[in-house]
């Protein structure tokens, strides 16, 4: 799946799925096999292509499902075709939300502001860390201009942390959709997850890993969403159909919702907010699901040309549609009715998302709102194209983007009022 914000970070030297960037450490400095400091990954950041599953501009949304009901009221148990009872995807994901929220609450001050640790200079390493953050900043500035502008409103510690997470997510996505994607195997993703464990243990492999390692040591960021994003990459290696929305929801969480959970500790919660930490995390997750559903609806034709259908198979069948209709690219009345229902589901997420943005810290609201407004307008463009998402790509024009920015900024000035 792809998203609107285009930027490329290669995971560096993934050759035939056998390993990542052969480097060795000497003290706290990182060198490649020839003894030079390892900057190869930085030089590859601007190369490559592929599709992206997630965007980084949106974090917050309402804690609602496609049916409009809260996570807490959705049934946690679903029945399989064989009659077995299993936990629903939303319940599984909500358990991750609760763990994340608990981690944040343990590290909140009485003022509800995160106690962000300052950088502690270590002799011989501060220059490298500064260089790593600079490179993360350059990537964000080049490939996510609007979002990058918004990060400049944050404190220096928060903006650097967001840049570091941004780059790791893209490097992960590039494993499956980048220039070396045809060589990636499940074993390669296993090694990438091992490398993630090293990052969280304070053993970064290269300078970009180092930026993330410092970030997760300073903020209450849990490793589970990072692991889950890698699981989403595994899913894309083995799965191209989704039986129902429950399966699709889990996929959307893995490849997009995880970004929201990673980001809330960095964005910060408004000190005046009366909302529970769990509800803010629910909101972050819901908006990411909304964005991913929008990606899916926008890219139906593009994905079909790759042999993929990211639409609930049972809902297609209920509309008397099949994969063959999608591969043929037929815009019929049945297709229009089906698409209207899919768009309605995504809009419910967006509507609730907007209500939750004021729970973020004041400096974080603008980039979130800007992305929310722009993404929601993609749905309008699909409608304007008469639901032809087979051969017409829905996009928001530059004038409409420029109009959205001051609107988002004005909305960002509204203080938190939830009780």
Protein backbone atom coordinates (compact mmCIF):
# COMPACT_ATOMS: atom_id res chain seq x y z
CA UNK A 1 0.00 0.00 0.00
CA UNK A 2 1.10 3.56 -0.59
CA UNK A 3 0.50 6.88 1.08
CA UNK A 4 0.55 10.50 0.04
CA UNK A 5 3.73 11.63 1.75
CA UNK A 6 6.55 10.47 -0.50
CA UNK A 7 10.02 10.15 0.94
CA UNK A 8 12.60 7.42 0.70
CA UNK A 9 14.99 5.94 3.21
CA UNK A 10 16.76 2.76 2.20
CA UNK A 11 17.63 0.21 4.89
CA UNK A 12 21.08 -0.09 3.37
CA UNK A 13 22.81 -3.04 1.75
CA UNK A 14 20.16 -5.71 2.08
CA UNK A 15 21.76 -8.11 -0.36
CA UNK A 16 19.75 -11.24 -1.17
CA UNK A 17 18.18 -10.98 2.26
CA UNK A 18 21.39 -12.09 3.93
CA UNK A 19 22.19 -9.14 6.15
CA UNK A 20 22.35 -5.43 6.75
CA UNK A 21 25.31 -3.12 6.26
CA UNK A 22 28.40 -4.92 7.55
CA UNK A 23 29.81 -2.63 10.23
CA UNK A 24 31.86 -2.90 13.37
CA UNK A 25 31.90 -0.74 16.48
CA UNK A 26 34.94 0.69 18.21
CA UNK A 27 33.89 2.20 21.47
CA UNK A 28 31.02 4.52 20.61
CA UNK A 29 32.12 5.17 17.02
CA UNK A 30 30.76 3.23 14.09
CA UNK A 31 32.92 2.14 11.16
CA UNK A 32 32.41 0.06 8.06
CA UNK A 33 34.58 -2.87 7.07
CA UNK A 34 37.18 -0.57 5.48
CA UNK A 35 37.61 1.41 8.68
CA UNK A 36 35.68 4.48 7.52
CA UNK A 37 32.78 5.87 9.50
CA UNK A 38 29.65 4.25 8.13
CA UNK A 39 27.74 6.90 6.19
CA UNK A 40 26.62 4.67 3.33
CA UNK A 41 23.10 4.45 4.63
CA UNK A 42 22.78 8.22 4.56
CA UNK A 43 23.84 8.40 0.94
CA UNK A 44 21.20 5.82 0.00
CA UNK A 45 18.37 7.63 1.71
CA UNK A 46 17.45 9.62 -1.37
CA UNK A 47 17.58 6.65 -3.71
CA UNK A 48 15.11 3.88 -4.29
CA UNK A 49 11.42 3.91 -4.73
CA UNK A 50 8.62 1.63 -3.88
CA UNK A 51 5.35 2.21 -2.15
CA UNK A 52 4.65 3.30 1.38
CA UNK A 53 1.98 2.02 3.72
CA UNK A 54 1.94 4.91 6.11
CA UNK A 55 2.32 8.66 6.36
CA UNK A 56 3.86 10.45 9.26
CA UNK A 57 1.77 13.58 9.48
CA UNK A 58 -1.16 12.17 11.46
CA UNK A 59 -1.30 10.65 14.89
CA UNK A 60 -4.54 11.46 16.56
CA UNK A 61 -8.09 10.32 15.94
CA UNK A 62 -11.23 9.13 17.66
CA UNK A 63 -11.36 5.79 19.38
CA UNK A 64 -13.97 4.54 16.99
CA UNK A 65 -14.30 1.58 14.73
CA UNK A 66 -15.70 1.48 11.25
CA UNK A 67 -19.13 0.87 12.71
CA UNK A 68 -18.86 4.00 14.83
CA UNK A 69 -18.67 2.20 18.18
CA UNK A 70 -15.92 2.66 20.72
CA UNK A 71 -13.14 0.12 21.08
CA UNK A 72 -14.34 -0.73 24.56
CA UNK A 73 -17.80 -1.71 23.35
CA UNK A 74 -16.81 -3.79 20.38
CA UNK A 75 -16.95 -7.48 21.13
CA UNK A 76 -13.53 -8.85 21.97
CA UNK A 77 -14.46 -12.31 20.70
CA UNK A 78 -15.17 -13.32 17.11
CA UNK A 79 -16.00 -16.67 15.56
CA UNK A 80 -13.89 -18.26 12.84
CA UNK A 81 -15.51 -20.02 9.85
CA UNK A 82 -14.85 -23.30 11.67
CA UNK A 83 -16.83 -22.10 14.66
CA UNK A 84 -13.80 -21.46 16.87
CA UNK A 85 -13.87 -18.40 19.11
CA UNK A 86 -10.89 -16.09 18.88
CA UNK A 87 -9.94 -12.63 20.11
CA UNK A 88 -10.80 -9.86 17.65
CA UNK A 89 -8.08 -7.77 16.06
CA UNK A 90 -9.30 -4.65 17.82
CA UNK A 91 -9.06 -6.35 21.21
CA UNK A 92 -5.52 -7.51 20.46
CA UNK A 93 -4.50 -4.03 19.39
CA UNK A 94 -6.21 -2.40 22.33
CA UNK A 95 -4.08 -4.48 24.68
CA UNK A 96 -1.02 -2.86 23.08
CA UNK A 97 -2.66 0.54 23.61
CA UNK A 98 -3.12 -0.16 27.30
CA UNK A 99 0.52 -1.17 27.72
CA UNK A 100 1.67 1.96 25.91
CA UNK A 101 -0.56 4.22 27.99
CA UNK A 102 0.64 2.62 31.22
CA UNK A 103 4.25 3.23 30.21
CA UNK A 104 3.55 6.91 29.60
CA UNK A 105 1.60 7.38 32.81
CA UNK A 106 4.49 5.98 34.84
CA UNK A 107 6.71 8.71 33.45
CA UNK A 108 4.37 11.69 33.70
CA UNK A 109 5.02 14.54 36.08
CA UNK A 110 2.27 15.86 38.28
CA UNK A 111 1.77 18.56 35.62
CA UNK A 112 1.11 15.81 33.05
CA UNK A 113 4.14 16.90 31.03
CA UNK A 114 6.70 14.30 30.03
CA UNK A 115 10.02 14.70 31.80
CA UNK A 116 12.15 14.66 28.67
CA UNK A 117 15.75 13.90 29.44
CA UNK A 118 18.35 16.16 27.92
CA UNK A 119 21.15 14.83 25.77
CA UNK A 120 24.08 13.76 27.92
CA UNK A 121 27.29 14.34 25.97
CA UNK A 122 29.67 11.41 25.87
CA UNK A 123 33.21 12.26 24.78
CA UNK A 124 33.74 11.44 21.12
CA UNK A 125 30.04 10.77 20.35
CA UNK A 126 28.20 14.08 20.43
CA UNK A 127 29.35 15.05 16.94
CA UNK A 128 28.16 11.76 15.46
CA UNK A 129 24.78 12.01 17.16
CA UNK A 130 24.34 15.55 15.96
CA UNK A 131 25.21 14.42 12.44
CA UNK A 132 22.65 11.61 12.66
CA UNK A 133 19.88 13.98 13.74
CA UNK A 134 20.86 16.38 10.97
CA UNK A 135 20.49 13.62 8.41
CA UNK A 136 17.10 12.61 9.80
CA UNK A 137 16.08 16.26 9.60
CA UNK A 138 17.16 16.48 5.95
CA UNK A 139 15.11 13.44 5.00
CA UNK A 140 12.01 14.77 6.73
CA UNK A 141 12.46 18.23 5.20
CA UNK A 142 12.82 16.87 1.68
CA UNK A 143 10.06 14.28 1.62
CA UNK A 144 7.46 15.57 4.10
CA UNK A 145 7.66 19.32 3.77
CA UNK A 146 4.40 20.24 5.47
CA UNK A 147 4.98 17.91 8.38
CA UNK A 148 8.58 19.06 8.72
CA UNK A 149 7.40 22.67 8.96
CA UNK A 150 5.13 21.66 11.78
CA UNK A 151 7.91 19.90 13.68
CA UNK A 152 9.78 23.17 13.86
CA UNK A 153 7.16 24.35 16.35
CA UNK A 154 8.19 21.59 18.77
CA UNK A 155 10.94 21.72 21.34
CA UNK A 156 14.36 20.65 19.99
CA UNK A 157 14.23 17.34 21.90
CA UNK A 158 10.81 16.42 20.55
CA UNK A 159 11.50 17.36 16.95
CA UNK A 160 14.73 15.34 16.85
CA UNK A 161 12.94 12.35 18.33
CA UNK A 162 10.16 12.54 15.73
CA UNK A 163 12.73 12.74 12.93
CA UNK A 164 14.52 9.64 14.25
CA UNK A 165 11.31 7.58 14.41
CA UNK A 166 10.30 8.86 10.98
CA UNK A 167 13.50 7.54 9.43
CA UNK A 168 13.30 4.15 11.13
CA UNK A 169 9.75 3.61 9.88
CA UNK A 170 10.74 4.40 6.32
CA UNK A 171 13.79 2.15 6.43
CA UNK A 172 11.52 -0.64 7.64
CA UNK A 173 8.98 -0.03 4.89
CA UNK A 174 11.71 -0.04 2.27
CA UNK A 175 12.58 -3.62 3.17
CA UNK A 176 9.40 -4.78 1.46
CA UNK A 177 8.80 -1.99 -1.04
CA UNK A 178 12.26 -0.61 -1.75
CA UNK A 179 14.78 -1.37 -4.51
CA UNK A 180 15.94 -4.56 -2.76
CA UNK A 181 12.41 -5.80 -2.00
CA UNK A 182 12.62 -8.74 -4.41
CA UNK A 183 15.48 -10.17 -2.34
CA UNK A 184 13.85 -9.77 1.07
CA UNK A 185 12.92 -12.95 2.93
CA UNK A 186 11.27 -13.54 6.32
CA UNK A 187 14.76 -14.28 7.65
CA UNK A 188 15.89 -10.80 6.64
CA UNK A 189 12.99 -9.30 8.57
CA UNK A 190 13.96 -11.45 11.55
CA UNK A 191 17.43 -9.92 11.42
CA UNK A 192 15.95 -6.44 11.18
CA UNK A 193 13.92 -7.19 14.32
CA UNK A 194 17.06 -8.41 16.10
CA UNK A 195 18.67 -5.14 15.15
CA UNK A 196 15.68 -3.30 16.62
CA UNK A 197 16.17 -5.14 19.89
CA UNK A 198 19.78 -3.94 19.90
CA UNK A 199 18.63 -0.36 19.35
CA UNK A 200 16.35 -0.53 22.38
CA UNK A 201 19.18 -2.15 24.37
CA UNK A 202 21.52 0.74 23.60
CA UNK A 203 23.57 -1.08 20.96
CA UNK A 204 22.92 0.86 17.73
CA UNK A 205 24.30 -0.54 14.50
CA UNK A 206 24.78 2.70 12.55
CA UNK A 207 24.38 6.41 13.08
CA UNK A 208 20.65 6.45 12.21
CA UNK A 209 20.04 3.61 14.66
CA UNK A 210 21.95 5.68 17.19
CA UNK A 211 19.49 8.57 16.80
CA UNK A 212 16.60 6.20 17.48
CA UNK A 213 18.40 4.54 20.39
CA UNK A 214 18.88 7.89 22.10
CA UNK A 215 15.25 8.78 21.39
CA UNK A 216 13.79 5.66 23.02
CA UNK A 217 16.05 6.15 26.03
CA UNK A 218 14.67 9.66 26.58
CA UNK A 219 10.96 9.14 25.91
CA UNK A 220 8.52 6.47 27.17
CA UNK A 221 8.40 4.71 23.82
CA UNK A 222 7.60 0.99 23.95
CA UNK A 223 9.21 -1.49 21.55
CA UNK A 224 6.00 -3.39 20.75
CA UNK A 225 4.66 -1.03 18.02
CA UNK A 226 8.05 -1.22 16.30
CA UNK A 227 7.92 -5.02 16.38
CA UNK A 228 4.37 -4.91 15.09
CA UNK A 229 5.35 -2.75 12.13
CA UNK A 230 7.91 -5.39 11.15
CA UNK A 231 5.15 -7.98 11.47
CA UNK A 232 3.16 -5.92 8.97
CA UNK A 233 6.05 -6.26 6.52
CA UNK A 234 5.98 -10.03 7.06
CA UNK A 235 2.26 -10.01 6.34
CA UNK A 236 2.82 -8.30 3.00
CA UNK A 237 5.24 -11.06 2.00
CA UNK A 238 2.63 -13.76 2.46
CA UNK A 239 -0.81 -12.16 2.15
CA UNK A 240 -2.63 -10.29 -0.62
CA UNK A 241 -6.28 -10.80 0.37
CA UNK A 242 -8.29 -10.01 3.50
CA UNK A 243 -11.42 -12.01 4.28
CA UNK A 244 -13.15 -9.34 6.35
CA UNK A 245 -12.64 -5.99 8.01
CA UNK A 246 -11.28 -7.60 11.16
CA UNK A 247 -8.34 -8.97 9.16
CA UNK A 248 -7.91 -5.71 7.31
CA UNK A 249 -8.00 -3.75 10.55
CA UNK A 250 -5.12 -5.77 11.92
CA UNK A 251 -3.10 -5.14 8.77
CA UNK A 252 -3.85 -1.40 9.00
CA UNK A 253 -2.67 -1.43 12.60
CA UNK A 254 0.56 -3.20 11.77
CA UNK A 255 1.58 -0.95 8.88
CA UNK A 256 0.08 2.36 10.01
CA UNK A 257 -1.52 2.35 13.43
CA UNK A 258 1.82 1.50 14.99
CA UNK A 259 3.16 4.90 13.91
CA UNK A 260 0.56 6.63 16.04
CA UNK A 261 1.53 4.63 19.12
CA UNK A 262 5.20 5.35 18.54
CA UNK A 263 4.55 9.05 18.22
CA UNK A 264 2.22 10.07 21.04
CA UNK A 265 5.00 10.05 23.67
CA UNK A 266 7.01 12.36 21.44
CA UNK A 267 4.18 14.69 20.44
CA UNK A 268 3.13 15.06 24.06
CA UNK A 269 -0.27 15.42 25.70
CA UNK A 270 -1.55 18.90 26.56
CA UNK A 271 -1.05 19.55 30.31
CA UNK A 272 -4.57 20.99 30.52
CA UNK A 273 -6.13 17.91 28.88
CA UNK A 274 -8.62 16.02 31.02
CA UNK A 275 -8.68 13.06 28.65
CA UNK A 276 -7.26 9.75 29.84
CA UNK A 277 -3.93 8.63 28.43
CA UNK A 278 -5.65 5.54 27.04
CA UNK A 279 -8.13 7.67 25.10
CA UNK A 280 -5.34 9.71 23.54
CA UNK A 281 -3.61 6.53 22.41
CA UNK A 282 -6.91 5.20 21.09
CA UNK A 283 -7.26 8.43 19.16
CA UNK A 284 -3.78 8.15 17.70
CA UNK A 285 -4.50 4.63 16.57
CA UNK A 286 -7.86 5.49 15.04
CA UNK A 287 -6.52 8.27 12.85
CA UNK A 288 -3.75 6.06 11.56
CA UNK A 289 -6.37 3.45 10.65
CA UNK A 290 -8.38 6.17 8.89
CA UNK A 291 -5.37 7.27 6.87
CA UNK A 292 -4.58 3.72 5.84
CA UNK A 293 -8.15 3.05 4.78
CA UNK A 294 -7.91 6.18 2.64
CA UNK A 295 -4.69 4.88 1.09
CA UNK A 296 -6.43 1.62 0.28
CA UNK A 297 -9.39 3.31 -1.39
CA UNK A 298 -7.18 5.70 -3.36
CA UNK A 299 -4.85 2.95 -4.62
CA UNK A 300 -7.30 0.22 -5.62
CA UNK A 301 -6.21 0.26 -9.27
CA UNK A 302 -2.51 0.50 -8.51
CA UNK A 303 -2.68 -2.41 -6.07
CA UNK A 304 -4.75 -4.48 -8.49
CA UNK A 305 -2.01 -4.17 -11.09
CA UNK A 306 0.29 -5.77 -8.51
CA UNK A 307 -2.19 -8.59 -7.93
CA UNK A 308 -3.30 -7.23 -4.55
CA UNK A 309 -6.76 -6.44 -3.22
CA UNK A 310 -6.82 -4.61 0.12
CA UNK A 311 -10.61 -4.69 0.46
CA UNK A 312 -12.74 -6.95 2.70
CA UNK A 313 -13.66 -9.96 0.60
CA UNK A 314 -16.94 -10.58 2.43
CA UNK A 315 -18.09 -7.01 1.80
CA UNK A 316 -17.20 -7.31 -1.87
CA UNK A 317 -19.27 -10.47 -2.07
CA UNK A 318 -22.21 -8.80 -0.32
CA UNK A 319 -22.07 -6.09 -3.01
CA UNK A 320 -22.03 -8.79 -5.73
CA UNK A 321 -18.47 -7.84 -6.65
CA UNK A 322 -15.34 -9.94 -7.03
CA UNK A 323 -11.62 -9.60 -7.62
CA UNK A 324 -12.31 -9.98 -11.33
CA UNK A 325 -14.41 -6.79 -11.31
CA UNK A 326 -11.52 -4.96 -9.69
CA UNK A 327 -8.91 -6.33 -12.07
CA UNK A 328 -11.15 -5.34 -14.99
CA UNK A 329 -11.48 -1.82 -13.56
CA UNK A 330 -15.23 -1.62 -14.07
CA UNK A 331 -16.91 1.43 -12.51
CA UNK A 332 -20.49 0.23 -12.16
CA UNK A 333 -23.38 1.24 -9.94
CA UNK A 334 -22.55 -1.71 -7.68
CA UNK A 335 -18.99 -0.43 -7.38
CA UNK A 336 -20.17 3.10 -6.58
CA UNK A 337 -22.46 1.83 -3.83
CA UNK A 338 -19.66 -0.31 -2.41
CA UNK A 339 -17.21 2.61 -2.47
CA UNK A 340 -19.68 4.95 -0.77
CA UNK A 341 -19.84 2.56 2.18
CA UNK A 342 -16.04 2.25 2.36
CA UNK A 343 -15.63 6.03 2.26
CA UNK A 344 -18.28 6.42 4.94
CA UNK A 345 -16.30 4.10 7.23
CA UNK A 346 -13.09 6.09 6.74
CA UNK A 347 -14.89 9.39 7.35
CA UNK A 348 -16.22 8.19 10.69
CA UNK A 349 -12.64 7.69 11.80
CA UNK A 350 -11.64 11.13 10.55
CA UNK A 351 -14.61 12.84 12.20
CA UNK A 352 -13.66 11.42 15.57
CA UNK A 353 -9.99 12.16 14.90
CA UNK A 354 -10.59 15.87 14.66
CA UNK A 355 -12.26 15.89 18.06
CA UNK A 356 -9.17 14.42 19.64
CA UNK A 357 -6.39 16.60 18.25
CA UNK A 358 -6.74 19.21 21.01
CA UNK A 359 -5.53 16.62 23.51
CA UNK A 360 -2.02 16.88 22.04
CA UNK A 361 0.46 19.47 23.24
CA UNK A 362 -0.13 22.84 21.58
CA UNK A 363 3.07 22.69 19.50
CA UNK A 364 2.11 19.34 18.00
CA UNK A 365 -1.40 20.10 16.83
CA UNK A 366 -0.75 21.97 13.60
CA UNK A 367 1.10 19.25 11.63
CA UNK A 368 -1.42 16.68 12.82
CA UNK A 369 -4.43 18.76 11.82
CA UNK A 370 -2.90 19.74 8.48
CA UNK A 371 -2.37 16.11 7.56
CA UNK A 372 -5.82 15.13 8.81
CA UNK A 373 -7.55 17.75 6.69
CA UNK A 374 -5.53 16.92 3.59
CA UNK A 375 -5.99 13.19 3.91
CA UNK A 376 -9.71 13.51 4.45
CA UNK A 377 -9.95 15.51 1.23
CA UNK A 378 -8.58 12.56 -0.73
CA UNK A 379 -11.92 10.91 -0.09
CA UNK A 380 -13.64 13.94 -1.62
CA UNK A 381 -11.45 13.59 -4.69
CA UNK A 382 -12.38 9.93 -5.09
CA UNK A 383 -16.01 11.00 -5.19
CA UNK A 384 -15.20 13.80 -7.63
CA UNK A 385 -13.65 11.15 -9.92
CA UNK A 386 -17.00 9.30 -9.91
CA UNK A 387 -15.42 6.54 -7.79
CA UNK A 388 -12.98 5.64 -10.56
CA UNK A 389 -10.01 4.67 -8.45
CA UNK A 390 -8.88 2.19 -11.08
CA UNK A 391 -7.38 4.58 -13.64
CA UNK A 392 -7.70 7.98 -11.93
CA UNK A 393 -5.56 8.83 -8.93
CA UNK A 394 -7.28 11.01 -6.34
CA UNK A 395 -5.02 13.76 -5.08
CA UNK A 396 -5.34 17.11 -3.38
CA UNK A 397 -4.21 19.99 -5.59
CA UNK A 398 -1.59 22.46 -4.42
CA UNK A 399 -4.09 25.34 -4.06
CA UNK A 400 -6.28 23.17 -1.83
CA UNK A 401 -3.24 22.23 0.23
CA UNK A 402 -2.33 25.88 0.70
CA UNK A 403 -5.87 26.64 1.82
CA UNK A 404 -5.78 23.78 4.33
CA UNK A 405 -2.65 25.00 6.13
CA UNK A 406 -4.08 28.21 7.67
CA UNK A 407 -7.33 26.38 8.49
CA UNK A 408 -5.35 23.70 10.30
CA UNK A 409 -3.29 26.33 12.10
CA UNK A 410 -6.41 28.15 13.31
CA UNK A 411 -7.91 24.89 14.56
CA UNK A 412 -4.64 24.06 16.33
CA UNK A 413 -5.03 27.15 18.53
CA UNK A 414 -8.16 25.73 20.14
CA UNK A 415 -7.22 24.51 23.63
CA UNK A 416 -8.11 21.14 25.04
CA UNK A 417 -11.62 21.12 26.46
CA UNK A 418 -12.41 17.42 26.90
CA UNK A 419 -13.40 16.39 30.39
